[in-house]
C-alpha atoms as a PDB file:
ATOM      1  CA  MET A   1      38.341 204.028  52.137  1.00  0.00           C
ATOM      2  CA  LYS A   2      41.706 205.496  51.107  1.00  0.00           C
ATOM      3  CA  LEU A   3      45.112 203.864  51.136  1.00  0.00           C
ATOM      4  CA  VAL A   4      48.533 204.831  49.828  1.00  0.00           C
ATOM      5  CA  ALA A   5      50.123 202.454  47.315  1.00  0.00           C
ATOM      6  CA  LEU A   6      53.068 202.392  44.947  1.00  0.00           C
ATOM      7  CA  LYS A   7      52.292 203.468  41.405  1.00  0.00           C
ATOM      8  CA  SER A   8      54.706 200.828  40.111  1.00  0.00           C
ATOM      9  CA  SER A   9      57.570 198.687  41.382  1.00  0.00           C
ATOM     10  CA  ILE A  10      60.793 200.548  42.167  1.00  0.00           C
ATOM     11  CA  ASP A  11      64.393 199.607  42.927  1.00  0.00           C
ATOM     12  CA  ARG A  12      65.882 202.914  44.090  1.00  0.00           C
ATOM     13  CA  LYS A  13      65.387 205.480  46.791  1.00  0.00           C
ATOM     14  CA  PRO A  14      61.625 206.239  46.787  1.00  0.00           C
ATOM     15  CA  ARG A  15      60.349 209.699  45.881  1.00  0.00           C
ATOM     16  CA  ALA A  16      57.024 211.277  46.779  1.00  0.00           C
ATOM     17  CA  ASP A  17      55.661 210.855  43.252  1.00  0.00           C
ATOM     18  CA  ASP A  18      56.215 207.079  43.420  1.00  0.00           C
ATOM     19  CA  PHE A  19      53.066 206.864  45.575  1.00  0.00           C
ATOM     20  CA  THR A  20      49.405 207.484  44.953  1.00  0.00           C
ATOM     21  CA  ILE A  21      46.090 207.457  46.815  1.00  0.00           C
ATOM     22  CA  VAL A  22      43.869 204.489  45.942  1.00  0.00           C
ATOM     23  CA  GLU A  23      40.152 204.297  46.752  1.00  0.00           C
ATOM     24  CA  THR A  24      39.057 200.811  47.764  1.00  0.00           C
ATOM     25  CA  ALA A  25      36.566 198.973  49.929  1.00  0.00           C
ATOM     26  CA  ALA A  26      37.328 198.643  53.626  1.00  0.00           C
ATOM     27  CA  PRO A  27      38.785 195.230  54.501  1.00  0.00           C
ATOM     28  CA  GLU A  28      36.729 192.419  55.999  1.00  0.00           C
ATOM     29  CA  CYS A  29      37.267 191.333  59.595  1.00  0.00           C
ATOM     30  CA  PRO A  30      38.170 187.605  59.597  1.00  0.00           C
ATOM     31  CA  GLU A  31      37.707 185.337  62.579  1.00  0.00           C
ATOM     32  CA  GLY A  32      40.402 185.974  65.164  1.00  0.00           C
ATOM     33  CA  SER A  33      41.003 189.484  63.860  1.00  0.00           C
ATOM     34  CA  VAL A  34      40.010 193.077  64.445  1.00  0.00           C
ATOM     35  CA  LEU A  35      39.034 195.827  62.048  1.00  0.00           C
ATOM     36  CA  ALA A  36      40.462 199.128  63.197  1.00  0.00           C
ATOM     37  CA  ARG A  37      40.348 202.807  62.271  1.00  0.00           C
ATOM     38  CA  VAL A  38      43.882 204.081  61.838  1.00  0.00           C
ATOM     39  CA  VAL A  39      44.738 207.088  63.995  1.00  0.00           C
ATOM     40  CA  TYR A  40      48.508 207.365  63.440  1.00  0.00           C
ATOM     41  CA  VAL A  41      50.889 205.767  60.948  1.00  0.00           C
ATOM     42  CA  SER A  42      54.610 205.529  61.629  1.00  0.00           C
ATOM     43  CA  LEU A  43      57.058 206.293  58.827  1.00  0.00           C
ATOM     44  CA  ASP A  44      60.323 204.432  59.375  1.00  0.00           C
ATOM     45  CA  PRO A  45      63.580 204.167  57.392  1.00  0.00           C
ATOM     46  CA  TYR A  46      63.350 200.391  56.927  1.00  0.00           C
ATOM     47  CA  VAL A  47      60.199 200.848  54.816  1.00  0.00           C
ATOM     48  CA  GLY A  48      62.395 202.244  52.040  1.00  0.00           C
ATOM     49  CA  SER A  49      63.966 198.790  51.739  1.00  0.00           C
ATOM     50  CA  ARG A  50      60.742 196.934  52.527  1.00  0.00           C
ATOM     51  CA  ILE A  51      58.872 198.362  49.521  1.00  0.00           C
ATOM     52  CA  ARG A  52      61.719 197.202  47.297  1.00  0.00           C
ATOM     53  CA  GLY A  53      61.651 193.635  48.650  1.00  0.00           C
ATOM     54  CA  ARG A  54      65.020 194.064  50.355  1.00  0.00           C
ATOM     55  CA  HIS A  55      64.079 193.883  54.012  1.00  0.00           C
ATOM     56  CA  MET A  56      64.295 190.579  55.898  1.00  0.00           C
ATOM     57  CA  GLY A  57      63.040 188.643  52.876  1.00  0.00           C
ATOM     58  CA  GLU A  58      59.591 190.260  52.979  1.00  0.00           C
ATOM     59  CA  ALA A  59      57.745 190.727  49.701  1.00  0.00           C
ATOM     60  CA  PRO A  60      57.080 194.290  48.518  1.00  0.00           C
ATOM     61  CA  PRO A  61      53.483 195.542  48.406  1.00  0.00           C
ATOM     62  CA  SER A  62      51.655 195.135  45.101  1.00  0.00           C
ATOM     63  CA  PRO A  63      51.523 198.423  43.162  1.00  0.00           C
ATOM     64  CA  MET A  64      48.113 200.113  42.941  1.00  0.00           C
ATOM     65  CA  GLU A  65      46.621 197.476  45.271  1.00  0.00           C
ATOM     66  CA  GLU A  66      48.277 197.044  48.656  1.00  0.00           C
ATOM     67  CA  ALA A  67      48.910 199.729  51.231  1.00  0.00           C
ATOM     68  CA  ILE A  68      52.490 200.701  51.997  1.00  0.00           C
ATOM     69  CA  PRO A  69      53.356 198.753  55.172  1.00  0.00           C
ATOM     70  CA  GLY A  70      53.822 200.573  58.426  1.00  0.00           C
ATOM     71  CA  ALA A  71      53.238 200.419  62.141  1.00  0.00           C
ATOM     72  CA  VAL A  72      49.958 201.950  63.291  1.00  0.00           C
ATOM     73  CA  ILE A  73      48.014 203.077  66.302  1.00  0.00           C
ATOM     74  CA  ALA A  74      44.376 202.314  65.581  1.00  0.00           C
ATOM     75  CA  GLN A  75      41.003 202.060  67.323  1.00  0.00           C
ATOM     76  CA  VAL A  76      39.008 198.852  67.040  1.00  0.00           C
ATOM     77  CA  THR A  77      35.711 199.273  65.202  1.00  0.00           C
ATOM     78  CA  GLN A  78      34.869 195.561  64.914  1.00  0.00           C
ATOM     79  CA  SER A  79      36.309 192.617  66.803  1.00  0.00           C
ATOM     80  CA  ARG A  80      36.154 188.893  66.168  1.00  0.00           C
ATOM     81  CA  SER A  81      38.618 188.162  68.938  1.00  0.00           C
ATOM     82  CA  PRO A  82      37.850 187.710  72.642  1.00  0.00           C
ATOM     83  CA  ASP A  83      40.953 189.753  73.484  1.00  0.00           C
ATOM     84  CA  TYR A  84      39.721 193.032  72.003  1.00  0.00           C
ATOM     85  CA  ALA A  85      36.542 195.060  72.192  1.00  0.00           C
ATOM     86  CA  GLU A  86      35.170 197.857  70.071  1.00  0.00           C
ATOM     87  CA  GLY A  87      36.808 201.104  71.146  1.00  0.00           C
ATOM     88  CA  ASP A  88      40.094 199.553  72.268  1.00  0.00           C
ATOM     89  CA  TYR A  89      43.272 201.211  71.033  1.00  0.00           C
ATOM     90  CA  VAL A  90      45.844 198.871  69.527  1.00  0.00           C
ATOM     91  CA  PHE A  91      49.377 199.021  68.203  1.00  0.00           C
ATOM     92  CA  SER A  92      50.476 196.777  65.363  1.00  0.00           C
ATOM     93  CA  MET A  93      53.557 196.491  63.184  1.00  0.00           C
ATOM     94  CA  ASP A  94      51.346 194.832  60.556  1.00  0.00           C
ATOM     95  CA  GLY A  95      49.371 197.945  59.645  1.00  0.00           C
ATOM     96  CA  GLY A  96      49.689 200.177  56.632  1.00  0.00           C
ATOM     97  CA  TRP A  97      49.178 203.603  55.129  1.00  0.00           C
ATOM     98  CA  ALA A  98      45.406 203.309  55.093  1.00  0.00           C
ATOM     99  CA  GLU A  99      42.271 204.597  56.789  1.00  0.00           C
ATOM    100  CA  TYR A 100      41.257 201.112  58.023  1.00  0.00           C
ATOM    101  CA  VAL A 101      43.245 197.940  58.591  1.00  0.00           C
ATOM    102  CA  ALA A 102      42.294 194.340  59.357  1.00  0.00           C
ATOM    103  CA  LEU A 103      44.746 192.946  61.903  1.00  0.00           C
ATOM    104  CA  ASP A 104      45.262 189.470  63.256  1.00  0.00           C
ATOM    105  CA  ALA A 105      44.639 189.696  66.996  1.00  0.00           C
ATOM    106  CA  GLY A 106      47.956 188.000  67.652  1.00  0.00           C
ATOM    107  CA  ALA A 107      49.764 190.830  65.857  1.00  0.00           C
ATOM    108  CA  CYS A 108      48.286 193.547  68.091  1.00  0.00           C
ATOM    109  CA  ARG A 109      49.151 195.030  71.461  1.00  0.00           C
ATOM    110  CA  LYS A 110      46.448 196.766  73.481  1.00  0.00           C
ATOM    111  CA  ILE A 111      47.381 200.375  74.281  1.00  0.00           C
ATOM    112  CA  ASP A 112      46.374 202.225  77.425  1.00  0.00           C
ATOM    113  CA  PRO A 113      45.653 205.787  76.226  1.00  0.00           C
ATOM    114  CA  ASP A 114      46.167 207.081  79.768  1.00  0.00           C
ATOM    115  CA  ALA A 115      49.658 205.595  80.259  1.00  0.00           C
ATOM    116  CA  ALA A 116      51.317 207.983  77.799  1.00  0.00           C
ATOM    117  CA  PRO A 117      50.339 209.984  74.697  1.00  0.00           C
ATOM    118  CA  LEU A 118      48.987 207.600  72.072  1.00  0.00           C
ATOM    119  CA  ARG A 119      51.494 208.580  69.423  1.00  0.00           C
ATOM    120  CA  ALA A 120      54.395 207.827  71.796  1.00  0.00           C
ATOM    121  CA  ASN A 121      53.609 204.176  71.096  1.00  0.00           C
ATOM    122  CA  LEU A 122      54.998 204.670  67.589  1.00  0.00           C
ATOM    123  CA  GLY A 123      58.141 206.414  68.818  1.00  0.00           C
ATOM    124  CA  VAL A 124      59.869 206.046  72.148  1.00  0.00           C
ATOM    125  CA  LEU A 125      57.379 203.379  73.282  1.00  0.00           C
ATOM    126  CA  GLY A 126      57.198 201.790  69.835  1.00  0.00           C
ATOM    127  CA  MET A 127      59.655 199.889  67.687  1.00  0.00           C
ATOM    128  CA  PRO A 128      62.329 202.646  67.733  1.00  0.00           C
ATOM    129  CA  GLY A 129      62.265 202.801  71.518  1.00  0.00           C
ATOM    130  CA  LEU A 130      62.283 199.028  71.830  1.00  0.00           C
ATOM    131  CA  THR A 131      65.263 198.902  69.457  1.00  0.00           C
ATOM    132  CA  ALA A 132      67.203 201.373  71.595  1.00  0.00           C
ATOM    133  CA  TRP A 133      66.251 199.648  74.852  1.00  0.00           C
ATOM    134  CA  ALA A 134      67.166 196.200  73.531  1.00  0.00           C
ATOM    135  CA  GLY A 135      70.547 197.331  72.288  1.00  0.00           C
ATOM    136  CA  ILE A 136      71.437 199.254  75.430  1.00  0.00           C
ATOM    137  CA  THR A 137      70.008 197.019  78.149  1.00  0.00           C
ATOM    138  CA  GLN A 138      69.906 193.535  76.651  1.00  0.00           C
ATOM    139  CA  LEU A 139      73.000 193.495  74.420  1.00  0.00           C
ATOM    140  CA  ALA A 140      75.478 196.194  75.466  1.00  0.00           C
ATOM    141  CA  GLU A 141      74.272 196.086  79.086  1.00  0.00           C
ATOM    142  CA  VAL A 142      75.116 199.725  79.691  1.00  0.00           C
ATOM    143  CA  GLY A 143      75.678 200.571  83.335  1.00  0.00           C
ATOM    144  CA  ALA A 144      77.376 202.984  85.689  1.00  0.00           C
ATOM    145  CA  GLY A 145      80.410 204.702  84.225  1.00  0.00           C
ATOM    146  CA  ASP A 146      79.931 203.678  80.594  1.00  0.00           C
ATOM    147  CA  ILE A 147      80.841 206.152  77.848  1.00  0.00           C
ATOM    148  CA  VAL A 148      78.439 205.780  74.925  1.00  0.00           C
ATOM    149  CA  LEU A 149      78.712 206.973  71.317  1.00  0.00           C
ATOM    150  CA  VAL A 150      75.749 206.793  68.914  1.00  0.00           C
ATOM    151  CA  ASP A 151      75.437 208.076  65.355  1.00  0.00           C
ATOM    152  CA  ALA A 152      72.231 209.192  63.659  1.00  0.00           C
ATOM    153  CA  ALA A 153      71.680 210.596  67.135  1.00  0.00           C
ATOM    154  CA  ALA A 154      68.866 212.947  66.102  1.00  0.00           C
ATOM    155  CA  GLY A 155      66.754 209.996  64.949  1.00  0.00           C
ATOM    156  CA  THR A 156      64.197 208.377  67.200  1.00  0.00           C
ATOM    157  CA  VAL A 157      66.370 205.301  67.794  1.00  0.00           C
ATOM    158  CA  GLY A 158      69.570 207.269  68.285  1.00  0.00           C
ATOM    159  CA  GLY A 159      67.966 209.809  70.582  1.00  0.00           C
ATOM    160  CA  ALA A 160      66.434 207.053  72.697  1.00  0.00           C
ATOM    161  CA  VAL A 161      69.773 205.219  72.839  1.00  0.00           C
ATOM    162  CA  GLY A 162      71.424 208.206  74.481  1.00  0.00           C
ATOM    163  CA  GLN A 163      68.612 208.884  76.917  1.00  0.00           C
ATOM    164  CA  ILE A 164      68.209 205.244  77.958  1.00  0.00           C
ATOM    165  CA  SER A 165      71.978 204.964  78.362  1.00  0.00           C
ATOM    166  CA  ARG A 166      71.895 207.901  80.769  1.00  0.00           C
ATOM    167  CA  LEU A 167      68.955 206.404  82.643  1.00  0.00           C
ATOM    168  CA  ASN A 168      70.996 203.221  83.056  1.00  0.00           C
ATOM    169  CA  GLY A 169      73.987 205.016  84.538  1.00  0.00           C
ATOM    170  CA  ALA A 170      76.217 206.053  81.610  1.00  0.00           C
ATOM    171  CA  SER A 171      78.603 208.795  82.695  1.00  0.00           C
ATOM    172  CA  ARG A 172      78.960 210.379  79.254  1.00  0.00           C
ATOM    173  CA  VAL A 173      76.874 210.214  76.066  1.00  0.00           C
ATOM    174  CA  VAL A 174      78.089 211.611  72.741  1.00  0.00           C
ATOM    175  CA  GLY A 175      76.141 211.735  69.496  1.00  0.00           C
ATOM    176  CA  ILE A 176      76.921 212.235  65.819  1.00  0.00           C
ATOM    177  CA  ALA A 177      74.327 213.939  63.586  1.00  0.00           C
ATOM    178  CA  GLY A 178      74.144 215.980  60.407  1.00  0.00           C
ATOM    179  CA  GLY A 179      73.727 219.739  60.711  1.00  0.00           C
ATOM    180  CA  PRO A 180      73.457 222.291  63.513  1.00  0.00           C
ATOM    181  CA  GLU A 181      69.676 221.937  63.914  1.00  0.00           C
ATOM    182  CA  LYS A 182      69.927 218.203  64.527  1.00  0.00           C
ATOM    183  CA  CYS A 183      72.891 218.610  66.866  1.00  0.00           C
ATOM    184  CA  ALA A 184      70.961 221.215  68.860  1.00  0.00           C
ATOM    185  CA  LEU A 185      68.074 218.755  69.221  1.00  0.00           C
ATOM    186  CA  VAL A 186      70.457 216.050  70.454  1.00  0.00           C
ATOM    187  CA  GLU A 187      72.093 218.287  73.035  1.00  0.00           C
ATOM    188  CA  ASN A 188      69.186 220.449  74.186  1.00  0.00           C
ATOM    189  CA  THR A 189      66.216 218.061  74.011  1.00  0.00           C
ATOM    190  CA  TYR A 190      67.795 214.631  74.351  1.00  0.00           C
ATOM    191  CA  GLY A 191      70.408 215.821  76.838  1.00  0.00           C
ATOM    192  CA  PHE A 192      73.577 214.376  75.301  1.00  0.00           C
ATOM    193  CA  ASP A 193      76.863 215.750  76.628  1.00  0.00           C
ATOM    194  CA  ALA A 194      77.952 216.610  73.089  1.00  0.00           C
ATOM    195  CA  CYS A 195      76.857 216.131  69.486  1.00  0.00           C
ATOM    196  CA  ILE A 196      79.299 216.262  66.582  1.00  0.00           C
ATOM    197  CA  ASP A 197      78.151 217.579  63.199  1.00  0.00           C
ATOM    198  CA  TYR A 198      79.675 215.187  60.668  1.00  0.00           C
ATOM    199  CA  LYS A 199      78.881 217.636  57.861  1.00  0.00           C
ATOM    200  CA  SER A 200      81.281 220.230  59.262  1.00  0.00           C
ATOM    201  CA  ASP A 201      85.020 220.489  58.634  1.00  0.00           C
ATOM    202  CA  GLY A 202      87.255 218.970  61.276  1.00  0.00           C
ATOM    203  CA  TRP A 203      84.483 216.875  62.794  1.00  0.00           C
ATOM    204  CA  ARG A 204      86.752 213.927  63.527  1.00  0.00           C
ATOM    205  CA  ASP A 205      89.005 216.131  65.642  1.00  0.00           C
ATOM    206  CA  ARG A 206      85.965 217.395  67.553  1.00  0.00           C
ATOM    207  CA  LEU A 207      84.799 213.821  68.049  1.00  0.00           C
ATOM    208  CA  ALA A 208      88.152 212.926  69.573  1.00  0.00           C
ATOM    209  CA  ALA A 209      87.934 215.968  71.847  1.00  0.00           C
ATOM    210  CA  ALA A 210      84.437 214.911  72.958  1.00  0.00           C
ATOM    211  CA  LEU A 211      85.774 211.456  73.905  1.00  0.00           C
ATOM    212  CA  PRO A 212      88.948 212.254  75.858  1.00  0.00           C
ATOM    213  CA  ASP A 213      88.763 208.910  77.663  1.00  0.00           C
ATOM    214  CA  GLY A 214      87.542 206.970  74.644  1.00  0.00           C
ATOM    215  CA  LEU A 215      84.306 204.985  74.668  1.00  0.00           C
ATOM    216  CA  THR A 216      83.104 201.758  76.196  1.00  0.00           C
ATOM    217  CA  VAL A 217      79.947 201.335  74.068  1.00  0.00           C
ATOM    218  CA  PHE A 218      79.024 202.381  70.530  1.00  0.00           C
ATOM    219  CA  PHE A 219      75.658 202.014  68.832  1.00  0.00           C
ATOM    220  CA  GLU A 220      75.895 201.960  65.042  1.00  0.00           C
ATOM    221  CA  ASN A 221      73.028 203.135  62.841  1.00  0.00           C
ATOM    222  CA  VAL A 222      74.774 204.281  59.670  1.00  0.00           C
ATOM    223  CA  SER A 223      77.614 202.265  58.150  1.00  0.00           C
ATOM    224  CA  ALA A 224      80.534 199.919  58.646  1.00  0.00           C
ATOM    225  CA  ASP A 225      82.848 202.852  58.002  1.00  0.00           C
ATOM    226  CA  MET A 226      81.315 204.753  60.913  1.00  0.00           C
ATOM    227  CA  ALA A 227      81.607 201.650  63.079  1.00  0.00           C
ATOM    228  CA  MET A 228      85.327 201.578  62.369  1.00  0.00           C
ATOM    229  CA  ILE A 229      85.625 205.252  63.323  1.00  0.00           C
ATOM    230  CA  ALA A 230      83.891 204.428  66.606  1.00  0.00           C
ATOM    231  CA  LEU A 231      86.247 201.503  67.198  1.00  0.00           C
ATOM    232  CA  GLY A 232      89.145 203.906  66.768  1.00  0.00           C
ATOM    233  CA  HIS A 233      88.018 205.558  70.027  1.00  0.00           C
ATOM    234  CA  ALA A 234      87.162 202.334  71.837  1.00  0.00           C
ATOM    235  CA  GLN A 235      88.679 201.286  75.117  1.00  0.00           C
ATOM    236  CA  PRO A 236      89.774 197.641  75.326  1.00  0.00           C
ATOM    237  CA  TYR A 237      86.798 195.296  75.661  1.00  0.00           C
ATOM    238  CA  ALA A 238      84.340 197.900  74.360  1.00  0.00           C
ATOM    239  CA  ARG A 239      80.917 196.666  73.230  1.00  0.00           C
ATOM    240  CA  GLY A 240      79.423 197.626  69.899  1.00  0.00           C
ATOM    241  CA  VAL A 241      75.836 197.200  68.702  1.00  0.00           C
ATOM    242  CA  LEU A 242      75.313 197.097  64.937  1.00  0.00           C
ATOM    243  CA  CYS A 243      71.718 198.164  64.451  1.00  0.00           C
ATOM    244  CA  GLY A 244      71.414 199.761  61.017  1.00  0.00           C
ATOM    245  CA  LEU A 245      73.330 200.479  57.821  1.00  0.00           C
ATOM    246  CA  VAL A 246      71.244 203.323  56.491  1.00  0.00           C
ATOM    247  CA  ASP A 247      73.891 204.340  53.968  1.00  0.00           C
ATOM    248  CA  ALA A 248      73.213 201.096  52.062  1.00  0.00           C
ATOM    249  CA  TYR A 249      69.406 201.099  52.184  1.00  0.00           C
ATOM    250  CA  HIS A 250      69.046 202.730  48.769  1.00  0.00           C
ATOM    251  CA  THR A 251      72.036 201.495  46.797  1.00  0.00           C
ATOM    252  CA  GLU A 252      71.346 199.974  43.398  1.00  0.00           C
ATOM    253  CA  GLU A 253      73.133 196.750  44.361  1.00  0.00           C
ATOM    254  CA  GLN A 254      73.553 194.867  47.589  1.00  0.00           C
ATOM    255  CA  ALA A 255      76.371 196.668  49.384  1.00  0.00           C
ATOM    256  CA  THR A 256      79.388 195.095  51.025  1.00  0.00           C
ATOM    257  CA  HIS A 257      80.349 196.261  54.490  1.00  0.00           C
ATOM    258  CA  PRO A 258      84.060 195.848  55.232  1.00  0.00           C
ATOM    259  CA  LEU A 259      84.929 195.541  58.903  1.00  0.00           C
ATOM    260  CA  ASN A 260      88.576 195.371  59.951  1.00  0.00           C
ATOM    261  CA  ALA A 261      88.664 192.079  61.823  1.00  0.00           C
ATOM    262  CA  GLY A 262      92.218 192.668  63.048  1.00  0.00           C
ATOM    263  CA  PHE A 263      91.195 196.018  64.512  1.00  0.00           C
ATOM    264  CA  ILE A 264      88.286 194.376  66.336  1.00  0.00           C
ATOM    265  CA  ILE A 265      90.614 191.705  67.699  1.00  0.00           C
ATOM    266  CA  GLY A 266      93.170 194.274  68.768  1.00  0.00           C
ATOM    267  CA  LYS A 267      90.517 196.186  70.697  1.00  0.00           C
ATOM    268  CA  ARG A 268      89.184 192.913  72.176  1.00  0.00           C
ATOM    269  CA  ALA A 269      85.826 194.376  71.192  1.00  0.00           C
ATOM    270  CA  LYS A 270      82.513 192.591  71.468  1.00  0.00           C
ATOM    271  CA  VAL A 271      80.402 193.468  68.402  1.00  0.00           C
ATOM    272  CA  MET A 272      76.763 192.380  68.320  1.00  0.00           C
ATOM    273  CA  GLY A 273      74.122 192.524  65.608  1.00  0.00           C
ATOM    274  CA  LEU A 274      70.681 193.753  66.599  1.00  0.00           C
ATOM    275  CA  VAL A 275      67.417 192.761  64.903  1.00  0.00           C
ATOM    276  CA  VAL A 276      64.546 194.183  66.895  1.00  0.00           C
ATOM    277  CA  TYR A 277      62.182 191.341  65.929  1.00  0.00           C
ATOM    278  CA  ASP A 278      64.069 189.137  68.395  1.00  0.00           C
ATOM    279  CA  PHE A 279      62.901 191.369  71.248  1.00  0.00           C
ATOM    280  CA  TYR A 280      59.171 191.576  70.481  1.00  0.00           C
ATOM    281  CA  PRO A 281      58.485 189.171  73.396  1.00  0.00           C
ATOM    282  CA  CYS A 282      60.046 191.828  75.686  1.00  0.00           C
ATOM    283  CA  TRP A 283      57.805 194.654  74.441  1.00  0.00           C
ATOM    284  CA  ASP A 284      55.495 194.701  77.468  1.00  0.00           C
ATOM    285  CA  GLU A 285      58.485 194.655  79.829  1.00  0.00           C
ATOM    286  CA  PHE A 286      60.062 197.558  77.956  1.00  0.00           C
ATOM    287  CA  ALA A 287      56.832 199.586  77.795  1.00  0.00           C
ATOM    288  CA  ALA A 288      56.171 199.132  81.513  1.00  0.00           C
ATOM    289  CA  GLU A 289      59.651 200.434  82.292  1.00  0.00           C
ATOM    290  CA  ALA A 290      59.654 203.271  79.780  1.00  0.00           C
ATOM    291  CA  ALA A 291      56.124 204.691  80.093  1.00  0.00           C
ATOM    292  CA  PRO A 292      56.945 206.462  83.390  1.00  0.00           C
ATOM    293  CA  TRP A 293      60.046 207.939  81.742  1.00  0.00           C
ATOM    294  CA  VAL A 294      57.836 209.391  79.008  1.00  0.00           C
ATOM    295  CA  ARG A 295      55.248 210.747  81.456  1.00  0.00           C
ATOM    296  CA  ASP A 296      57.803 212.591  83.567  1.00  0.00           C
ATOM    297  CA  GLY A 297      59.879 213.848  80.641  1.00  0.00           C
ATOM    298  CA  ARG A 298      62.999 211.745  81.176  1.00  0.00           C
ATOM    299  CA  LEU A 299      62.519 210.108  77.755  1.00  0.00           C
ATOM    300  CA  GLN A 300      61.638 212.551  75.018  1.00  0.00           C
ATOM    301  CA  VAL A 301      61.291 212.538  71.253  1.00  0.00           C
ATOM    302  CA  ALA A 302      60.851 215.297  68.713  1.00  0.00           C
ATOM    303  CA  GLU A 303      58.108 214.691  66.164  1.00  0.00           C
ATOM    304  CA  ASP A 304      57.753 215.561  62.499  1.00  0.00           C
ATOM    305  CA  ILE A 305      54.029 215.064  61.945  1.00  0.00           C
ATOM    306  CA  VAL A 306      51.641 215.721  59.049  1.00  0.00           C
ATOM    307  CA  ASN A 307      47.867 215.458  58.797  1.00  0.00           C
ATOM    308  CA  GLY A 308      46.249 213.189  56.219  1.00  0.00           C
ATOM    309  CA  LEU A 309      47.382 210.270  54.080  1.00  0.00           C
ATOM    310  CA  GLU A 310      47.734 212.605  51.107  1.00  0.00           C
ATOM    311  CA  ASN A 311      50.767 214.140  52.831  1.00  0.00           C
ATOM    312  CA  ALA A 312      52.445 210.859  53.790  1.00  0.00           C
ATOM    313  CA  SER A 313      54.520 210.502  50.636  1.00  0.00           C
ATOM    314  CA  ALA A 314      56.093 213.972  50.916  1.00  0.00           C
ATOM    315  CA  LEU A 315      57.059 213.329  54.535  1.00  0.00           C
ATOM    316  CA  PHE A 316      58.456 209.930  53.562  1.00  0.00           C
ATOM    317  CA  GLU A 317      60.662 211.513  50.897  1.00  0.00           C
ATOM    318  CA  LYS A 318      61.883 213.944  53.539  1.00  0.00           C
ATOM    319  CA  LEU A 319      62.717 210.975  55.795  1.00  0.00           C
ATOM    320  CA  MET A 320      64.525 209.149  52.992  1.00  0.00           C
ATOM    321  CA  ASP A 321      66.684 212.241  52.409  1.00  0.00           C
ATOM    322  CA  GLY A 322      67.426 212.657  56.122  1.00  0.00           C
ATOM    323  CA  ARG A 323      65.779 216.092  56.192  1.00  0.00           C
ATOM    324  CA  ASN A 324      63.280 215.227  58.935  1.00  0.00           C
ATOM    325  CA  ILE A 325      63.729 216.509  62.459  1.00  0.00           C
ATOM    326  CA  GLY A 326      62.270 213.930  64.814  1.00  0.00           C
ATOM    327  CA  LYS A 327      59.966 210.949  64.569  1.00  0.00           C
ATOM    328  CA  CYS A 328      57.917 210.939  61.334  1.00  0.00           C
ATOM    329  CA  LEU A 329      54.192 210.383  61.889  1.00  0.00           C
ATOM    330  CA  VAL A 330      51.040 210.754  59.849  1.00  0.00           C
ATOM    331  CA  LYS A 331      47.854 211.618  61.683  1.00  0.00           C
ATOM    332  CA  VAL A 332      45.157 209.813  59.718  1.00  0.00           C
ATOM    333  CA  SER A 333      42.135 210.485  61.951  1.00  0.00           C
ATOM    334  CA  ASP A 334      41.202 211.990  65.309  1.00  0.00           C
ATOM    335  CA  GLU A 335      42.111 210.047  68.441  1.00  0.00           C
ATOM    336  CA  ALA A 336      38.515 210.027  69.670  1.00  0.00           C
ATOM    337  CA  ALA A 337      35.980 208.629  67.202  1.00  0.00           C
END
């Protein structure tokens, strides 16, 4: 079988030529596990840190040996677990950029292919959607009348944050994204009230104009500096969710993230860190709530999809540079065997 591996260890922003296709034997299926044919692989920003050993203490994959880690939708071809049968579709965060993966049964979720499109389980029904849902419903507790600001709004997490906020009663949702194409996606597909292009001159003035009454909730994906800009528009007792610091994912050294504690105190703001792993036990609850939203079009996501593992590295470079439009996916094989 084929898998994608690093050519050698890296400690910088990954480029497409850092990866290579490796031919290897298909993995065995240990007791309590399943062997599955990968249908879709998710490409996610955190993997850029993960392959450098700088994500949640997890070791990087071994060059020329181990597949690049990634969430997958796969179809079971062999099962040594009573919970799964041949032909079942599964989701797992413990997959990889490979044609076949061996997965511990406890690290899988069975997927109903009729509940929503299969690939939605890597986007708005997958980890990005769960991240957005957890931040909005479990931490910020967005409800009627809230005014929500989210940056990286064209991303899968950011786009879901705005849509789920609206579904939970927010009266106004404003996004920040880079470039007119991304802002058009945020406004026209995700239905935000406004999206501010931070790459354009005078964007801070336009942000202020888009938030005439300030904000009650902000969802931070980019940096501490952007969080402080959001706090500048916050009403007293606003809630902030710190989800990601993408600007520091590829720095040569561990970055510092200055937050103005006095400013936070003055705003009486409640600022919460979000690590999606904490909410894995809620995944079924989230999926049951969100699947109808996906089916009827209330929760949407744009997709940037390529066919074949040989094209994964180029799409990943595009993601690392922020040039993707929508959720990055690799179709590895056909949905039906």
